[in-house]
Amino acid sequence: MPISAQQIVADALAIAKCPGFVSLGGRCLNLVLQDLVMHRNLKVNLVSTTIPVIANSNGPFNLEPDYLR
């Protein structure tokens, strides 16, 4: 059963015994998720994609929204 981000933050705040820090908990969750994406080479983040490149062109190219540069 997947749980939502709100449930993760609510559980973390309950464990930490600080239920009033909802916005800070959400920011911390986003920071952890950003760290996982940007600095850890997790296989779930690695995807392959085909980029059509026209000869003698230098872009810009349309990339997927989750493409990490």
PDB file of N, CA and C in Angstrom:
ATOM      1  N   MET A   1       0.843  -1.172   0.000  1.00  0.00           N
ATOM      2  CA  MET A   1       0.000   0.000   0.000  1.00  0.00           C
ATOM      3  C   MET A   1       0.895   1.245   0.000  1.00  0.00           C
ATOM      4  N   PRO A   2       0.870   2.040  -1.066  1.00  0.00           N
ATOM      5  CA  PRO A   2       1.676   3.263  -1.079  1.00  0.00           C
ATOM      6  C   PRO A   2       1.105   4.310  -0.130  1.00  0.00           C
ATOM      7  N   ILE A   3       1.991   5.076   0.458  1.00  0.00           N
ATOM      8  CA  ILE A   3       1.549   6.156   1.343  1.00  0.00           C
ATOM      9  C   ILE A   3       1.925   7.495   0.708  1.00  0.00           C
ATOM     10  N   SER A   4       1.199   8.514   1.076  1.00  0.00           N
ATOM     11  CA  SER A   4       1.410   9.832   0.479  1.00  0.00           C
ATOM     12  C   SER A   4       2.503  10.593   1.227  1.00  0.00           C
ATOM     13  N   ALA A   5       2.943  11.677   0.618  1.00  0.00           N
ATOM     14  CA  ALA A   5       3.950  12.527   1.257  1.00  0.00           C
ATOM     15  C   ALA A   5       3.414  13.109   2.560  1.00  0.00           C
ATOM     16  N   GLN A   6       2.124  13.448   2.575  1.00  0.00           N
ATOM     17  CA  GLN A   6       1.528  13.992   3.795  1.00  0.00           C
ATOM     18  C   GLN A   6       1.587  12.979   4.931  1.00  0.00           C
ATOM     19  N   GLN A   7       1.351  11.702   4.607  1.00  0.00           N
ATOM     20  CA  GLN A   7       1.400  10.668   5.636  1.00  0.00           C
ATOM     21  C   GLN A   7       2.826  10.456   6.135  1.00  0.00           C
ATOM     22  N   ILE A   8       3.800  10.520   5.234  1.00  0.00           N
ATOM     23  CA  ILE A   8       5.199  10.368   5.640  1.00  0.00           C
ATOM     24  C   ILE A   8       5.591  11.488   6.591  1.00  0.00           C
ATOM     25  N   VAL A   9       5.238  12.718   6.230  1.00  0.00           N
ATOM     26  CA  VAL A   9       5.574  13.865   7.082  1.00  0.00           C
ATOM     27  C   VAL A   9       4.838  13.782   8.412  1.00  0.00           C
ATOM     28  N   ALA A  10       3.560  13.425   8.386  1.00  0.00           N
ATOM     29  CA  ALA A  10       2.788  13.321   9.627  1.00  0.00           C
ATOM     30  C   ALA A  10       3.374  12.258  10.551  1.00  0.00           C
ATOM     31  N   ASP A  11       3.775  11.112  10.001  1.00  0.00           N
ATOM     32  CA  ASP A  11       4.384  10.062  10.816  1.00  0.00           C
ATOM     33  C   ASP A  11       5.722  10.511  11.390  1.00  0.00           C
ATOM     34  N   ALA A  12       6.537  11.184  10.572  1.00  0.00           N
ATOM     35  CA  ALA A  12       7.834  11.662  11.053  1.00  0.00           C
ATOM     36  C   ALA A  12       7.659  12.691  12.163  1.00  0.00           C
ATOM     37  N   LEU A  13       6.679  13.578  12.009  1.00  0.00           N
ATOM     38  CA  LEU A  13       6.435  14.584  13.045  1.00  0.00           C
ATOM     39  C   LEU A  13       5.898  13.949  14.321  1.00  0.00           C
ATOM     40  N   ALA A  14       5.096  12.898  14.185  1.00  0.00           N
ATOM     41  CA  ALA A  14       4.594  12.203  15.372  1.00  0.00           C
ATOM     42  C   ALA A  14       5.730  11.496  16.104  1.00  0.00           C
ATOM     43  N   ILE A  15       6.641  10.876  15.353  1.00  0.00           N
ATOM     44  CA  ILE A  15       7.782  10.202  15.978  1.00  0.00           C
ATOM     45  C   ILE A  15       8.686  11.218  16.668  1.00  0.00           C
ATOM     46  N   ALA A  16       8.876  12.381  16.025  1.00  0.00           N
ATOM     47  CA  ALA A  16       9.729  13.427  16.601  1.00  0.00           C
ATOM     48  C   ALA A  16       9.020  14.225  17.689  1.00  0.00           C
ATOM     49  N   LYS A  17       7.734  13.971  17.890  1.00  0.00           N
ATOM     50  CA  LYS A  17       6.916  14.651  18.899  1.00  0.00           C
ATOM     51  C   LYS A  17       6.895  16.168  18.697  1.00  0.00           C
ATOM     52  N   CYS A  18       6.714  16.574  17.446  1.00  0.00           N
ATOM     53  CA  CYS A  18       6.590  18.011  17.135  1.00  0.00           C
ATOM     54  C   CYS A  18       5.531  18.187  16.052  1.00  0.00           C
ATOM     55  N   PRO A  19       4.247  18.006  16.405  1.00  0.00           N
ATOM     56  CA  PRO A  19       3.184  18.018  15.401  1.00  0.00           C
ATOM     57  C   PRO A  19       2.940  19.366  14.735  1.00  0.00           C
ATOM     58  N   GLY A  20       3.448  20.462  15.266  1.00  0.00           N
ATOM     59  CA  GLY A  20       3.173  21.771  14.688  1.00  0.00           C
ATOM     60  C   GLY A  20       4.115  22.184  13.568  1.00  0.00           C
ATOM     61  N   PHE A  21       5.091  21.369  13.236  1.00  0.00           N
ATOM     62  CA  PHE A  21       6.105  21.746  12.261  1.00  0.00           C
ATOM     63  C   PHE A  21       5.830  21.139  10.888  1.00  0.00           C
ATOM     64  N   VAL A  22       4.599  21.258  10.418  1.00  0.00           N
ATOM     65  CA  VAL A  22       4.201  20.612   9.167  1.00  0.00           C
ATOM     66  C   VAL A  22       4.953  21.197   7.977  1.00  0.00           C
ATOM     67  N   SER A  23       5.053  22.513   7.877  1.00  0.00           N
ATOM     68  CA  SER A  23       5.729  23.104   6.716  1.00  0.00           C
ATOM     69  C   SER A  23       7.215  22.768   6.719  1.00  0.00           C
ATOM     70  N   LEU A  24       7.846  22.776   7.890  1.00  0.00           N
ATOM     71  CA  LEU A  24       9.254  22.405   7.977  1.00  0.00           C
ATOM     72  C   LEU A  24       9.442  20.932   7.632  1.00  0.00           C
ATOM     73  N   GLY A  25       8.529  20.083   8.068  1.00  0.00           N
ATOM     74  CA  GLY A  25       8.602  18.665   7.736  1.00  0.00           C
ATOM     75  C   GLY A  25       8.496  18.427   6.241  1.00  0.00           C
ATOM     76  N   GLY A  26       7.612  19.161   5.585  1.00  0.00           N
ATOM     77  CA  GLY A  26       7.476  19.040   4.131  1.00  0.00           C
ATOM     78  C   GLY A  26       8.725  19.496   3.406  1.00  0.00           C
ATOM     79  N   ARG A  27       9.328  20.591   3.880  1.00  0.00           N
ATOM     80  CA  ARG A  27      10.572  21.072   3.261  1.00  0.00           C
ATOM     81  C   ARG A  27      11.697  20.069   3.455  1.00  0.00           C
ATOM     82  N   CYS A  28      11.778  19.476   4.640  1.00  0.00           N
ATOM     83  CA  CYS A  28      12.820  18.480   4.901  1.00  0.00           C
ATOM     84  C   CYS A  28      12.640  17.250   4.020  1.00  0.00           C
ATOM     85  N   LEU A  29      11.403  16.827   3.815  1.00  0.00           N
ATOM     86  CA  LEU A  29      11.145  15.697   2.927  1.00  0.00           C
ATOM     87  C   LEU A  29      11.599  16.030   1.511  1.00  0.00           C
ATOM     88  N   ASN A  30      11.293  17.230   1.032  1.00  0.00           N
ATOM     89  CA  ASN A  30      11.723  17.633  -0.303  1.00  0.00           C
ATOM     90  C   ASN A  30      13.239  17.693  -0.412  1.00  0.00           C
ATOM     91  N   LEU A  31      13.919  18.141   0.648  1.00  0.00           N
ATOM     92  CA  LEU A  31      15.380  18.177   0.627  1.00  0.00           C
ATOM     93  C   LEU A  31      15.970  16.775   0.550  1.00  0.00           C
ATOM     94  N   VAL A  32      15.402  15.849   1.303  1.00  0.00           N
ATOM     95  CA  VAL A  32      15.888  14.469   1.271  1.00  0.00           C
ATOM     96  C   VAL A  32      15.656  13.856  -0.106  1.00  0.00           C
ATOM     97  N   LEU A  33      14.478  14.078  -0.681  1.00  0.00           N
ATOM     98  CA  LEU A  33      14.192  13.540  -2.009  1.00  0.00           C
ATOM     99  C   LEU A  33      15.105  14.157  -3.061  1.00  0.00           C
ATOM    100  N   GLN A  34      15.368  15.456  -2.961  1.00  0.00           N
ATOM    101  CA  GLN A  34      16.271  16.112  -3.903  1.00  0.00           C
ATOM    102  C   GLN A  34      17.684  15.551  -3.767  1.00  0.00           C
ATOM    103  N   ASP A  35      18.130  15.291  -2.535  1.00  0.00           N
ATOM    104  CA  ASP A  35      19.448  14.703  -2.322  1.00  0.00           C
ATOM    105  C   ASP A  35      19.531  13.315  -2.941  1.00  0.00           C
ATOM    106  N   LEU A  36      18.479  12.525  -2.793  1.00  0.00           N
ATOM    107  CA  LEU A  36      18.473  11.190  -3.384  1.00  0.00           C
ATOM    108  C   LEU A  36      18.579  11.249  -4.902  1.00  0.00           C
ATOM    109  N   VAL A  37      17.913  12.216  -5.505  1.00  0.00           N
ATOM    110  CA  VAL A  37      17.923  12.320  -6.966  1.00  0.00           C
ATOM    111  C   VAL A  37      19.248  12.878  -7.477  1.00  0.00           C
ATOM    112  N   MET A  38      19.752  13.927  -6.839  1.00  0.00           N
ATOM    113  CA  MET A  38      20.906  14.639  -7.382  1.00  0.00           C
ATOM    114  C   MET A  38      22.255  14.029  -7.006  1.00  0.00           C
ATOM    115  N   HIS A  39      22.369  13.395  -5.840  1.00  0.00           N
ATOM    116  CA  HIS A  39      23.685  12.969  -5.366  1.00  0.00           C
ATOM    117  C   HIS A  39      23.849  11.463  -5.203  1.00  0.00           C
ATOM    118  N   ARG A  40      22.812  10.711  -5.278  1.00  0.00           N
ATOM    119  CA  ARG A  40      22.905   9.255  -5.133  1.00  0.00           C
ATOM    120  C   ARG A  40      22.586   8.625  -6.482  1.00  0.00           C
ATOM    121  N   ASN A  41      23.364   7.668  -6.879  1.00  0.00           N
ATOM    122  CA  ASN A  41      23.147   7.005  -8.162  1.00  0.00           C
ATOM    123  C   ASN A  41      22.229   5.801  -7.976  1.00  0.00           C
ATOM    124  N   LEU A  42      20.971   6.071  -7.725  1.00  0.00           N
ATOM    125  CA  LEU A  42      19.997   5.005  -7.540  1.00  0.00           C
ATOM    126  C   LEU A  42      19.529   4.509  -8.900  1.00  0.00           C
ATOM    127  N   LYS A  43      19.394   3.205  -9.036  1.00  0.00           N
ATOM    128  CA  LYS A  43      18.980   2.641 -10.315  1.00  0.00           C
ATOM    129  C   LYS A  43      17.597   3.111 -10.737  1.00  0.00           C
ATOM    130  N   VAL A  44      16.740   3.423  -9.777  1.00  0.00           N
ATOM    131  CA  VAL A  44      15.392   3.873 -10.110  1.00  0.00           C
ATOM    132  C   VAL A  44      15.433   5.231 -10.807  1.00  0.00           C
ATOM    133  N   ASN A  45      16.479   6.023 -10.579  1.00  0.00           N
ATOM    134  CA  ASN A  45      16.593   7.336 -11.204  1.00  0.00           C
ATOM    135  C   ASN A  45      17.237   7.282 -12.578  1.00  0.00           C
ATOM    136  N   LEU A  46      17.874   6.160 -12.903  1.00  0.00           N
ATOM    137  CA  LEU A  46      18.565   6.054 -14.177  1.00  0.00           C
ATOM    138  C   LEU A  46      17.594   5.569 -15.246  1.00  0.00           C
ATOM    139  N   VAL A  47      17.404   6.367 -16.259  1.00  0.00           N
ATOM    140  CA  VAL A  47      16.539   5.992 -17.373  1.00  0.00           C
ATOM    141  C   VAL A  47      17.286   6.278 -18.664  1.00  0.00           C
ATOM    142  N   SER A  48      16.935   5.563 -19.698  1.00  0.00           N
ATOM    143  CA  SER A  48      17.505   5.851 -21.009  1.00  0.00           C
ATOM    144  C   SER A  48      16.408   6.416 -21.895  1.00  0.00           C
ATOM    145  N   THR A  49      16.795   7.328 -22.734  1.00  0.00           N
ATOM    146  CA  THR A  49      15.836   7.976 -23.610  1.00  0.00           C
ATOM    147  C   THR A  49      16.487   8.218 -24.959  1.00  0.00           C
ATOM    148  N   THR A  50      15.676   8.329 -25.964  1.00  0.00           N
ATOM    149  CA  THR A  50      16.161   8.619 -27.303  1.00  0.00           C
ATOM    150  C   THR A  50      15.923  10.094 -27.593  1.00  0.00           C
ATOM    151  N   ILE A  51      16.972  10.774 -27.997  1.00  0.00           N
ATOM    152  CA  ILE A  51      16.872  12.195 -28.333  1.00  0.00           C
ATOM    153  C   ILE A  51      17.126  12.336 -29.830  1.00  0.00           C
ATOM    154  N   PRO A  52      16.127  12.763 -30.582  1.00  0.00           N
ATOM    155  CA  PRO A  52      16.358  12.952 -32.021  1.00  0.00           C
ATOM    156  C   PRO A  52      17.208  14.201 -32.266  1.00  0.00           C
ATOM    157  N   VAL A  53      18.355  13.996 -32.875  1.00  0.00           N
ATOM    158  CA  VAL A  53      19.273  15.096 -33.148  1.00  0.00           C
ATOM    159  C   VAL A  53      19.368  15.279 -34.655  1.00  0.00           C
ATOM    160  N   ILE A  54      19.110  16.484 -35.099  1.00  0.00           N
ATOM    161  CA  ILE A  54      19.199  16.810 -36.517  1.00  0.00           C
ATOM    162  C   ILE A  54      20.649  17.149 -36.829  1.00  0.00           C
ATOM    163  N   ALA A  55      21.148  16.661 -37.965  1.00  0.00           N
ATOM    164  CA  ALA A  55      22.536  16.903 -38.347  1.00  0.00           C
ATOM    165  C   ALA A  55      22.816  18.402 -38.425  1.00  0.00           C
ATOM    166  N   ASN A  56      23.996  18.784 -37.978  1.00  0.00           N
ATOM    167  CA  ASN A  56      24.479  20.172 -37.994  1.00  0.00           C
ATOM    168  C   ASN A  56      23.610  21.112 -37.157  1.00  0.00           C
ATOM    169  N   SER A  57      23.021  20.613 -36.099  1.00  0.00           N
ATOM    170  CA  SER A  57      22.251  21.479 -35.205  1.00  0.00           C
ATOM    171  C   SER A  57      22.859  21.396 -33.810  1.00  0.00           C
ATOM    172  N   ASN A  58      22.661  22.443 -33.043  1.00  0.00           N
ATOM    173  CA  ASN A  58      23.212  22.446 -31.690  1.00  0.00           C
ATOM    174  C   ASN A  58      22.152  22.724 -30.634  1.00  0.00           C
ATOM    175  N   GLY A  59      20.890  22.462 -30.946  1.00  0.00           N
ATOM    176  CA  GLY A  59      19.834  22.570 -29.952  1.00  0.00           C
ATOM    177  C   GLY A  59      19.070  23.861 -30.067  1.00  0.00           C
ATOM    178  N   PRO A  60      18.226  24.143 -29.146  1.00  0.00           N
ATOM    179  CA  PRO A  60      17.909  23.360 -27.949  1.00  0.00           C
ATOM    180  C   PRO A  60      17.075  22.126 -28.294  1.00  0.00           C
ATOM    181  N   PHE A  61      17.182  21.119 -27.467  1.00  0.00           N
ATOM    182  CA  PHE A  61      16.471  19.867 -27.669  1.00  0.00           C
ATOM    183  C   PHE A  61      15.377  19.728 -26.618  1.00  0.00           C
ATOM    184  N   ASN A  62      14.249  19.177 -27.004  1.00  0.00           N
ATOM    185  CA  ASN A  62      13.152  18.918 -26.066  1.00  0.00           C
ATOM    186  C   ASN A  62      13.465  17.651 -25.284  1.00  0.00           C
ATOM    187  N   LEU A  63      13.626  17.801 -23.977  1.00  0.00           N
ATOM    188  CA  LEU A  63      13.942  16.670 -23.113  1.00  0.00           C
ATOM    189  C   LEU A  63      12.771  16.389 -22.190  1.00  0.00           C
ATOM    190  N   GLU A  64      12.779  15.190 -21.619  1.00  0.00           N
ATOM    191  CA  GLU A  64      11.719  14.808 -20.689  1.00  0.00           C
ATOM    192  C   GLU A  64      11.782  15.698 -19.448  1.00  0.00           C
ATOM    193  N   PRO A  65      10.634  15.924 -18.799  1.00  0.00           N
ATOM    194  CA  PRO A  65      10.626  16.812 -17.621  1.00  0.00           C
ATOM    195  C   PRO A  65      11.498  16.316 -16.474  1.00  0.00           C
ATOM    196  N   ASP A  66      11.699  15.001 -16.352  1.00  0.00           N
ATOM    197  CA  ASP A  66      12.506  14.482 -15.247  1.00  0.00           C
ATOM    198  C   ASP A  66      13.965  14.255 -15.642  1.00  0.00           C
ATOM    199  N   TYR A  67      14.379  14.783 -16.789  1.00  0.00           N
ATOM    200  CA  TYR A  67      15.760  14.617 -17.238  1.00  0.00           C
ATOM    201  C   TYR A  67      16.679  15.458 -16.369  1.00  0.00           C
ATOM    202  N   LEU A  68      17.692  14.823 -15.795  1.00  0.00           N
ATOM    203  CA  LEU A  68      18.645  15.530 -14.941  1.00  0.00           C
ATOM    204  C   LEU A  68      19.862  15.904 -15.767  1.00  0.00           C
ATOM    205  N   ARG A  69      20.191  17.170 -15.755  1.00  0.00           N
ATOM    206  CA  ARG A  69      21.340  17.626 -16.551  1.00  0.00           C
ATOM    207  C   ARG A  69      22.593  17.591 -15.732  1.00  0.00           C
TER     208      ARG A  69
END
